[in-house]
Protein backbone atom coordinates (compact mmCIF):
# COMPACT_ATOMS: atom_id res chain seq x y z
CA UNK A 1 0.14 -0.08 -0.22
CA UNK A 2 1.49 2.67 -1.08
CA UNK A 3 -0.08 5.30 0.78
CA UNK A 4 0.63 3.44 4.38
CA UNK A 5 1.77 5.75 6.54
CA UNK A 6 1.81 3.34 9.74
CA UNK A 7 2.32 0.12 10.64
CA UNK A 8 0.28 -2.15 12.75
CA UNK A 9 1.74 -4.44 14.74
CA UNK A 10 -0.91 -6.80 15.79
CA UNK A 11 -0.57 -9.07 19.00
CA UNK A 12 -3.24 -10.68 19.89
CA UNK A 13 -2.28 -12.04 23.44
CA UNK A 14 -0.52 -8.69 24.33
CA UNK A 15 -0.63 -5.17 22.94
CA UNK A 16 -1.14 -3.87 19.54
CA UNK A 17 0.90 -1.02 18.75
CA UNK A 18 0.37 1.45 15.99
CA UNK A 19 3.73 2.97 14.31
CA UNK A 20 5.01 5.13 11.53
CA UNK A 21 5.95 2.77 8.65
CA UNK A 22 9.62 2.07 8.80
CA UNK A 23 9.76 1.74 5.33
CA UNK A 24 8.82 5.85 5.23
CA UNK A 25 10.05 7.08 8.01
CA UNK A 26 12.71 7.39 10.97
CA UNK A 27 11.49 5.83 13.55
CA UNK A 28 13.14 4.23 17.44
CA UNK A 29 15.13 1.47 17.10
CA UNK A 30 13.80 0.19 19.53
CA UNK A 31 9.89 -0.35 18.35
CA UNK A 32 8.81 -4.36 17.28
CA UNK A 33 7.76 -3.26 13.76
CA UNK A 34 8.88 -7.40 13.35
CA UNK A 35 6.58 -10.20 12.17
CA UNK A 36 4.85 -12.32 15.36
CA UNK A 37 4.31 -15.80 15.28
CA UNK A 38 1.29 -16.43 13.37
CA UNK A 39 -0.45 -17.78 16.16
CA UNK A 40 -0.19 -14.69 18.01
CA UNK A 41 -0.70 -11.64 15.34
CA UNK A 42 1.21 -10.00 11.99
CA UNK A 43 1.91 -6.69 10.67
CA UNK A 44 -1.45 -4.34 9.12
CA UNK A 45 -0.22 -1.69 6.81
CA UNK A 46 -2.76 1.80 6.94
CA UNK A 47 -3.13 4.52 6.03
CA UNK A 48 -3.12 7.75 8.54
CA UNK A 49 -7.94 7.97 8.30
CA UNK A 50 -7.79 3.89 8.53
CA UNK A 51 -5.91 3.75 11.67
CA UNK A 52 -7.48 6.55 13.37
CA UNK A 53 -11.03 4.92 12.84
CA UNK A 54 -9.58 2.08 14.43
CA UNK A 55 -8.14 4.10 17.27
CA UNK A 56 -11.83 5.37 17.96
CA UNK A 57 -13.15 2.75 17.37
CA UNK A 58 -15.08 3.58 14.02
CA UNK A 59 -13.72 0.73 11.76
CA UNK A 60 -13.34 -2.82 13.34
CA UNK A 61 -9.28 -3.93 12.12
CA UNK A 62 -9.88 -7.29 11.16
CA UNK A 63 -6.16 -10.61 11.12
CA UNK A 64 -6.77 -13.71 10.43
CA UNK A 65 -10.73 -12.58 10.80
CA UNK A 66 -10.19 -12.11 14.45
CA UNK A 67 -11.29 -8.68 15.55
CA UNK A 68 -7.61 -6.77 17.83
CA UNK A 69 -9.15 -5.07 20.18
CA UNK A 70 -6.02 -4.42 22.64
CA UNK A 71 -4.33 -0.79 19.93
CA UNK A 72 -3.08 1.74 20.93
CA UNK A 73 0.11 4.15 20.03
CA UNK A 74 3.66 2.90 19.85
CA UNK A 75 4.61 6.34 22.26
CA UNK A 76 7.85 5.20 20.91
CA UNK A 77 6.60 7.01 17.53
CA UNK A 78 3.87 8.95 18.86
CA UNK A 79 6.85 11.46 19.91
CA UNK A 80 7.51 12.23 16.35
CA UNK A 81 6.45 15.36 14.52
CA UNK A 82 5.20 13.15 11.64
CA UNK A 83 3.31 11.10 14.59
CA UNK A 84 -0.28 12.59 13.82
CA UNK A 85 -2.72 10.65 15.84
């Protein structure tokens, strides 16, 4: 997705976090944006509009037909100027 500003690291067992897309932005090296165990989740690319809708529960993010209910902003990425959620 060319306009994907955010990468969502889905983890069904812990917290799912919205990061800046590391393909487009310089992110903190401590951010865990890599693929997770398939059972635990995975990654989803999202536009700013989509990510904002997921945070506000206006849309439901799903991965492998499971709803993601534990979504929050990445504390490291959200301190960056480009992070506008």
